[in-house]
Amino acid sequence: MAYYEKEEQETVIIYEPETKLWDIYTTVPKHINRLKSEAIATIFDTETDAEGKTIALRIKLEKLPSSYTFNR
């Protein structure tokens, strides 16, 4: 399996008040690469294809950088 089809790709950022954590889940290749390379948090969960390529990523972190945007 390669990356998800364009119409199925998404990035979801949720703040959990109870735990005071940001939960980021993405299937967008550009966002996956950025989150993995910047190492802003520990990876919580990954989904890989048969070849070992990361096709989905979920991280949790305490503080989302105020300048952090995905539209660069």
PDB file of N, CA and C in Angstrom:
ATOM      1  N   MET A   1       0.838  -1.171   0.000  1.00  0.00           N
ATOM      2  CA  MET A   1       0.000   0.000   0.000  1.00  0.00           C
ATOM      3  C   MET A   1       0.887   1.240   0.000  1.00  0.00           C
ATOM      4  N   ALA A   2       0.588   2.167  -0.830  1.00  0.00           N
ATOM      5  CA  ALA A   2       1.305   3.440  -0.836  1.00  0.00           C
ATOM      6  C   ALA A   2       0.569   4.392   0.104  1.00  0.00           C
ATOM      7  N   TYR A   3       0.903   5.655   0.002  1.00  0.00           N
ATOM      8  CA  TYR A   3       0.197   6.641   0.812  1.00  0.00           C
ATOM      9  C   TYR A   3      -1.299   6.578   0.532  1.00  0.00           C
ATOM     10  N   TYR A   4      -2.080   7.116   1.445  1.00  0.00           N
ATOM     11  CA  TYR A   4      -3.525   7.200   1.231  1.00  0.00           C
ATOM     12  C   TYR A   4      -3.806   8.059   0.003  1.00  0.00           C
ATOM     13  N   GLU A   5      -4.918   7.776  -0.658  1.00  0.00           N
ATOM     14  CA  GLU A   5      -5.336   8.594  -1.807  1.00  0.00           C
ATOM     15  C   GLU A   5      -5.597  10.021  -1.324  1.00  0.00           C
ATOM     16  N   LYS A   6      -5.430  10.994  -2.217  1.00  0.00           N
ATOM     17  CA  LYS A   6      -5.588  12.403  -1.852  1.00  0.00           C
ATOM     18  C   LYS A   6      -6.903  12.673  -1.123  1.00  0.00           C
ATOM     19  N   GLU A   7      -7.998  12.115  -1.616  1.00  0.00           N
ATOM     20  CA  GLU A   7      -9.307  12.389  -0.998  1.00  0.00           C
ATOM     21  C   GLU A   7      -9.453  11.755   0.385  1.00  0.00           C
ATOM     22  N   GLU A   8      -8.546  10.859   0.757  1.00  0.00           N
ATOM     23  CA  GLU A   8      -8.587  10.214   2.060  1.00  0.00           C
ATOM     24  C   GLU A   8      -7.566  10.792   3.047  1.00  0.00           C
ATOM     25  N   GLN A   9      -6.695  11.671   2.573  1.00  0.00           N
ATOM     26  CA  GLN A   9      -5.658  12.231   3.442  1.00  0.00           C
ATOM     27  C   GLN A   9      -6.240  13.303   4.352  1.00  0.00           C
ATOM     28  N   GLU A  10      -5.726  13.336   5.598  1.00  0.00           N
ATOM     29  CA  GLU A  10      -6.196  14.329   6.551  1.00  0.00           C
ATOM     30  C   GLU A  10      -5.141  14.554   7.633  1.00  0.00           C
ATOM     31  N   THR A  11      -5.216  15.707   8.251  1.00  0.00           N
ATOM     32  CA  THR A  11      -4.438  15.997   9.448  1.00  0.00           C
ATOM     33  C   THR A  11      -5.416  16.552  10.468  1.00  0.00           C
ATOM     34  N   VAL A  12      -5.429  15.934  11.644  1.00  0.00           N
ATOM     35  CA  VAL A  12      -6.354  16.325  12.703  1.00  0.00           C
ATOM     36  C   VAL A  12      -5.533  16.683  13.938  1.00  0.00           C
ATOM     37  N   ILE A  13      -5.790  17.872  14.480  1.00  0.00           N
ATOM     38  CA  ILE A  13      -5.114  18.322  15.696  1.00  0.00           C
ATOM     39  C   ILE A  13      -6.185  18.560  16.750  1.00  0.00           C
ATOM     40  N   ILE A  14      -6.067  17.852  17.866  1.00  0.00           N
ATOM     41  CA  ILE A  14      -7.063  17.938  18.937  1.00  0.00           C
ATOM     42  C   ILE A  14      -6.362  18.259  20.252  1.00  0.00           C
ATOM     43  N   TYR A  15      -6.944  19.185  20.993  1.00  0.00           N
ATOM     44  CA  TYR A  15      -6.433  19.476  22.339  1.00  0.00           C
ATOM     45  C   TYR A  15      -7.307  18.732  23.336  1.00  0.00           C
ATOM     46  N   GLU A  16      -6.687  17.987  24.229  1.00  0.00           N
ATOM     47  CA  GLU A  16      -7.410  17.222  25.244  1.00  0.00           C
ATOM     48  C   GLU A  16      -7.261  17.945  26.589  1.00  0.00           C
ATOM     49  N   PRO A  17      -8.281  18.686  27.029  1.00  0.00           N
ATOM     50  CA  PRO A  17      -8.177  19.449  28.271  1.00  0.00           C
ATOM     51  C   PRO A  17      -7.892  18.593  29.508  1.00  0.00           C
ATOM     52  N   GLU A  18      -8.419  17.407  29.546  1.00  0.00           N
ATOM     53  CA  GLU A  18      -8.218  16.546  30.714  1.00  0.00           C
ATOM     54  C   GLU A  18      -6.744  16.186  30.917  1.00  0.00           C
ATOM     55  N   THR A  19      -6.077  15.838  29.828  1.00  0.00           N
ATOM     56  CA  THR A  19      -4.663  15.450  29.917  1.00  0.00           C
ATOM     57  C   THR A  19      -3.721  16.619  29.622  1.00  0.00           C
ATOM     58  N   LYS A  20      -4.275  17.705  29.102  1.00  0.00           N
ATOM     59  CA  LYS A  20      -3.507  18.889  28.689  1.00  0.00           C
ATOM     60  C   LYS A  20      -2.476  18.535  27.616  1.00  0.00           C
ATOM     61  N   LEU A  21      -2.873  17.638  26.713  1.00  0.00           N
ATOM     62  CA  LEU A  21      -2.005  17.226  25.614  1.00  0.00           C
ATOM     63  C   LEU A  21      -2.638  17.552  24.267  1.00  0.00           C
ATOM     64  N   TRP A  22      -1.784  17.849  23.299  1.00  0.00           N
ATOM     65  CA  TRP A  22      -2.198  17.976  21.909  1.00  0.00           C
ATOM     66  C   TRP A  22      -2.039  16.608  21.253  1.00  0.00           C
ATOM     67  N   ASP A  23      -3.021  16.200  20.507  1.00  0.00           N
ATOM     68  CA  ASP A  23      -3.027  14.915  19.812  1.00  0.00           C
ATOM     69  C   ASP A  23      -3.072  15.220  18.317  1.00  0.00           C
ATOM     70  N   ILE A  24      -2.024  14.845  17.602  1.00  0.00           N
ATOM     71  CA  ILE A  24      -1.962  15.099  16.152  1.00  0.00           C
ATOM     72  C   ILE A  24      -1.938  13.769  15.418  1.00  0.00           C
ATOM     73  N   TYR A  25      -2.874  13.617  14.479  1.00  0.00           N
ATOM     74  CA  TYR A  25      -2.943  12.427  13.637  1.00  0.00           C
ATOM     75  C   TYR A  25      -2.917  12.902  12.190  1.00  0.00           C
ATOM     76  N   THR A  26      -2.067  12.297  11.366  1.00  0.00           N
ATOM     77  CA  THR A  26      -2.003  12.710   9.970  1.00  0.00           C
ATOM     78  C   THR A  26      -1.740  11.534   9.034  1.00  0.00           C
ATOM     79  N   THR A  27      -2.327  11.649   7.851  1.00  0.00           N
ATOM     80  CA  THR A  27      -2.049  10.716   6.759  1.00  0.00           C
ATOM     81  C   THR A  27      -1.513  11.482   5.544  1.00  0.00           C
ATOM     82  N   VAL A  28      -1.186  12.759   5.737  1.00  0.00           N
ATOM     83  CA  VAL A  28      -0.650  13.602   4.669  1.00  0.00           C
ATOM     84  C   VAL A  28       0.872  13.425   4.635  1.00  0.00           C
ATOM     85  N   PRO A  29       1.423  12.939   3.523  1.00  0.00           N
ATOM     86  CA  PRO A  29       2.861  12.656   3.460  1.00  0.00           C
ATOM     87  C   PRO A  29       3.755  13.828   3.881  1.00  0.00           C
ATOM     88  N   LYS A  30       3.452  15.036   3.439  1.00  0.00           N
ATOM     89  CA  LYS A  30       4.259  16.206   3.783  1.00  0.00           C
ATOM     90  C   LYS A  30       4.252  16.432   5.297  1.00  0.00           C
ATOM     91  N   HIS A  31       3.109  16.260   5.928  1.00  0.00           N
ATOM     92  CA  HIS A  31       2.986  16.457   7.370  1.00  0.00           C
ATOM     93  C   HIS A  31       3.688  15.339   8.143  1.00  0.00           C
ATOM     94  N   ILE A  32       3.583  14.114   7.640  1.00  0.00           N
ATOM     95  CA  ILE A  32       4.286  12.981   8.269  1.00  0.00           C
ATOM     96  C   ILE A  32       5.785  13.255   8.283  1.00  0.00           C
ATOM     97  N   ASN A  33       6.329  13.639   7.139  1.00  0.00           N
ATOM     98  CA  ASN A  33       7.768  13.898   7.033  1.00  0.00           C
ATOM     99  C   ASN A  33       8.198  15.036   7.947  1.00  0.00           C
ATOM    100  N   ARG A  34       7.401  16.080   8.003  1.00  0.00           N
ATOM    101  CA  ARG A  34       7.753  17.218   8.849  1.00  0.00           C
ATOM    102  C   ARG A  34       7.728  16.834  10.329  1.00  0.00           C
ATOM    103  N   LEU A  35       6.689  16.138  10.755  1.00  0.00           N
ATOM    104  CA  LEU A  35       6.594  15.747  12.160  1.00  0.00           C
ATOM    105  C   LEU A  35       7.710  14.791  12.560  1.00  0.00           C
ATOM    106  N   LYS A  36       8.082  13.893  11.668  1.00  0.00           N
ATOM    107  CA  LYS A  36       9.166  12.956  11.969  1.00  0.00           C
ATOM    108  C   LYS A  36      10.517  13.658  12.000  1.00  0.00           C
ATOM    109  N   SER A  37      10.739  14.600  11.099  1.00  0.00           N
ATOM    110  CA  SER A  37      12.048  15.247  11.007  1.00  0.00           C
ATOM    111  C   SER A  37      12.267  16.297  12.089  1.00  0.00           C
ATOM    112  N   GLU A  38      11.234  16.963  12.523  1.00  0.00           N
ATOM    113  CA  GLU A  38      11.397  18.010  13.525  1.00  0.00           C
ATOM    114  C   GLU A  38      11.437  17.470  14.940  1.00  0.00           C
ATOM    115  N   ALA A  39      10.962  16.280  15.136  1.00  0.00           N
ATOM    116  CA  ALA A  39      11.008  15.621  16.444  1.00  0.00           C
ATOM    117  C   ALA A  39      10.495  16.523  17.565  1.00  0.00           C
ATOM    118  N   ILE A  40       9.302  17.105  17.372  1.00  0.00           N
ATOM    119  CA  ILE A  40       8.733  17.975  18.403  1.00  0.00           C
ATOM    120  C   ILE A  40       8.078  17.182  19.522  1.00  0.00           C
ATOM    121  N   ALA A  41       7.914  15.889  19.301  1.00  0.00           N
ATOM    122  CA  ALA A  41       7.289  15.043  20.320  1.00  0.00           C
ATOM    123  C   ALA A  41       7.625  13.591  20.051  1.00  0.00           C
ATOM    124  N   THR A  42       7.310  12.780  21.017  1.00  0.00           N
ATOM    125  CA  THR A  42       7.493  11.345  20.855  1.00  0.00           C
ATOM    126  C   THR A  42       6.368  10.794  19.989  1.00  0.00           C
ATOM    127  N   ILE A  43       6.717   9.910  19.084  1.00  0.00           N
ATOM    128  CA  ILE A  43       5.708   9.282  18.228  1.00  0.00           C
ATOM    129  C   ILE A  43       4.883   8.319  19.067  1.00  0.00           C
ATOM    130  N   PHE A  44       3.570   8.492  19.010  1.00  0.00           N
ATOM    131  CA  PHE A  44       2.641   7.692  19.800  1.00  0.00           C
ATOM    132  C   PHE A  44       2.232   6.426  19.048  1.00  0.00           C
ATOM    133  N   ASP A  45       2.021   6.542  17.743  1.00  0.00           N
ATOM    134  CA  ASP A  45       1.590   5.400  16.942  1.00  0.00           C
ATOM    135  C   ASP A  45       1.913   5.666  15.474  1.00  0.00           C
ATOM    136  N   THR A  46       2.233   4.608  14.742  1.00  0.00           N
ATOM    137  CA  THR A  46       2.465   4.735  13.304  1.00  0.00           C
ATOM    138  C   THR A  46       1.745   3.617  12.567  1.00  0.00           C
ATOM    139  N   GLU A  47       1.432   3.892  11.328  1.00  0.00           N
ATOM    140  CA  GLU A  47       0.887   2.871  10.426  1.00  0.00           C
ATOM    141  C   GLU A  47       1.841   2.813   9.245  1.00  0.00           C
ATOM    142  N   THR A  48       2.291   1.621   8.911  1.00  0.00           N
ATOM    143  CA  THR A  48       3.227   1.468   7.803  1.00  0.00           C
ATOM    144  C   THR A  48       2.638   0.558   6.739  1.00  0.00           C
ATOM    145  N   ASP A  49       3.155   0.695   5.521  1.00  0.00           N
ATOM    146  CA  ASP A  49       2.735  -0.200   4.452  1.00  0.00           C
ATOM    147  C   ASP A  49       3.624  -1.442   4.461  1.00  0.00           C
ATOM    148  N   ALA A  50       3.428  -2.311   3.504  1.00  0.00           N
ATOM    149  CA  ALA A  50       4.174  -3.572   3.442  1.00  0.00           C
ATOM    150  C   ALA A  50       5.679  -3.361   3.268  1.00  0.00           C
ATOM    151  N   GLU A  51       6.059  -2.211   2.723  1.00  0.00           N
ATOM    152  CA  GLU A  51       7.470  -1.910   2.492  1.00  0.00           C
ATOM    153  C   GLU A  51       8.101  -1.140   3.652  1.00  0.00           C
ATOM    154  N   GLY A  52       7.324  -0.881   4.697  1.00  0.00           N
ATOM    155  CA  GLY A  52       7.846  -0.175   5.862  1.00  0.00           C
ATOM    156  C   GLY A  52       7.737   1.341   5.810  1.00  0.00           C
ATOM    157  N   LYS A  53       7.095   1.884   4.774  1.00  0.00           N
ATOM    158  CA  LYS A  53       6.919   3.325   4.645  1.00  0.00           C
ATOM    159  C   LYS A  53       5.817   3.786   5.606  1.00  0.00           C
ATOM    160  N   THR A  54       6.061   4.852   6.346  1.00  0.00           N
ATOM    161  CA  THR A  54       5.057   5.388   7.259  1.00  0.00           C
ATOM    162  C   THR A  54       3.963   6.064   6.441  1.00  0.00           C
ATOM    163  N   ILE A  55       2.714   5.592   6.606  1.00  0.00           N
ATOM    164  CA  ILE A  55       1.598   6.175   5.863  1.00  0.00           C
ATOM    165  C   ILE A  55       0.598   6.882   6.785  1.00  0.00           C
ATOM    166  N   ALA A  56       0.771   6.741   8.093  1.00  0.00           N
ATOM    167  CA  ALA A  56      -0.036   7.467   9.073  1.00  0.00           C
ATOM    168  C   ALA A  56       0.797   7.623  10.337  1.00  0.00           C
ATOM    169  N   LEU A  57       0.587   8.734  11.016  1.00  0.00           N
ATOM    170  CA  LEU A  57       1.397   9.043  12.185  1.00  0.00           C
ATOM    171  C   LEU A  57       0.524   9.716  13.235  1.00  0.00           C
ATOM    172  N   ARG A  58       0.744   9.344  14.484  1.00  0.00           N
ATOM    173  CA  ARG A  58       0.031   9.983  15.592  1.00  0.00           C
ATOM    174  C   ARG A  58       1.046  10.322  16.671  1.00  0.00           C
ATOM    175  N   ILE A  59       1.014  11.584  17.097  1.00  0.00           N
ATOM    176  CA  ILE A  59       1.885  12.019  18.182  1.00  0.00           C
ATOM    177  C   ILE A  59       1.060  12.740  19.235  1.00  0.00           C
ATOM    178  N   LYS A  60       1.599  12.801  20.439  1.00  0.00           N
ATOM    179  CA  LYS A  60       0.994  13.591  21.505  1.00  0.00           C
ATOM    180  C   LYS A  60       2.095  14.449  22.096  1.00  0.00           C
ATOM    181  N   LEU A  61       1.754  15.696  22.396  1.00  0.00           N
ATOM    182  CA  LEU A  61       2.729  16.591  22.979  1.00  0.00           C
ATOM    183  C   LEU A  61       2.063  17.574  23.926  1.00  0.00           C
ATOM    184  N   GLU A  62       2.849  18.085  24.852  1.00  0.00           N
ATOM    185  CA  GLU A  62       2.318  18.990  25.861  1.00  0.00           C
ATOM    186  C   GLU A  62       2.093  20.395  25.337  1.00  0.00           C
ATOM    187  N   LYS A  63       2.984  20.867  24.502  1.00  0.00           N
ATOM    188  CA  LYS A  63       2.881  22.239  24.037  1.00  0.00           C
ATOM    189  C   LYS A  63       3.043  22.299  22.534  1.00  0.00           C
ATOM    190  N   LEU A  64       2.029  22.799  21.878  1.00  0.00           N
ATOM    191  CA  LEU A  64       2.089  22.993  20.435  1.00  0.00           C
ATOM    192  C   LEU A  64       2.752  24.349  20.192  1.00  0.00           C
ATOM    193  N   PRO A  65       3.866  24.391  19.477  1.00  0.00           N
ATOM    194  CA  PRO A  65       4.529  25.679  19.244  1.00  0.00           C
ATOM    195  C   PRO A  65       3.576  26.683  18.599  1.00  0.00           C
ATOM    196  N   SER A  66       3.559  27.908  19.100  1.00  0.00           N
ATOM    197  CA  SER A  66       2.615  28.916  18.607  1.00  0.00           C
ATOM    198  C   SER A  66       2.821  29.226  17.130  1.00  0.00           C
ATOM    199  N   SER A  67       4.023  29.060  16.645  1.00  0.00           N
ATOM    200  CA  SER A  67       4.302  29.336  15.237  1.00  0.00           C
ATOM    201  C   SER A  67       4.134  28.115  14.346  1.00  0.00           C
ATOM    202  N   TYR A  68       3.675  27.019  14.906  1.00  0.00           N
ATOM    203  CA  TYR A  68       3.597  25.785  14.152  1.00  0.00           C
ATOM    204  C   TYR A  68       2.412  25.779  13.205  1.00  0.00           C
ATOM    205  N   THR A  69       2.706  25.776  11.919  1.00  0.00           N
ATOM    206  CA  THR A  69       1.656  25.693  10.904  1.00  0.00           C
ATOM    207  C   THR A  69       2.083  24.660   9.882  1.00  0.00           C
ATOM    208  N   PHE A  70       1.098  24.134   9.157  1.00  0.00           N
ATOM    209  CA  PHE A  70       1.378  23.129   8.133  1.00  0.00           C
ATOM    210  C   PHE A  70       1.352  23.703   6.727  1.00  0.00           C
ATOM    211  N   ASN A  71       1.143  24.991   6.584  1.00  0.00           N
ATOM    212  CA  ASN A  71       0.997  25.587   5.257  1.00  0.00           C
ATOM    213  C   ASN A  71       2.240  26.309   4.782  1.00  0.00           C
ATOM    214  N   ARG A  72       3.399  25.812   5.136  1.00  0.00           N
ATOM    215  CA  ARG A  72       4.633  26.435   4.662  1.00  0.00           C
ATOM    216  C   ARG A  72       5.002  25.888   3.323  1.00  0.00           C
TER     217      ARG A  72
END
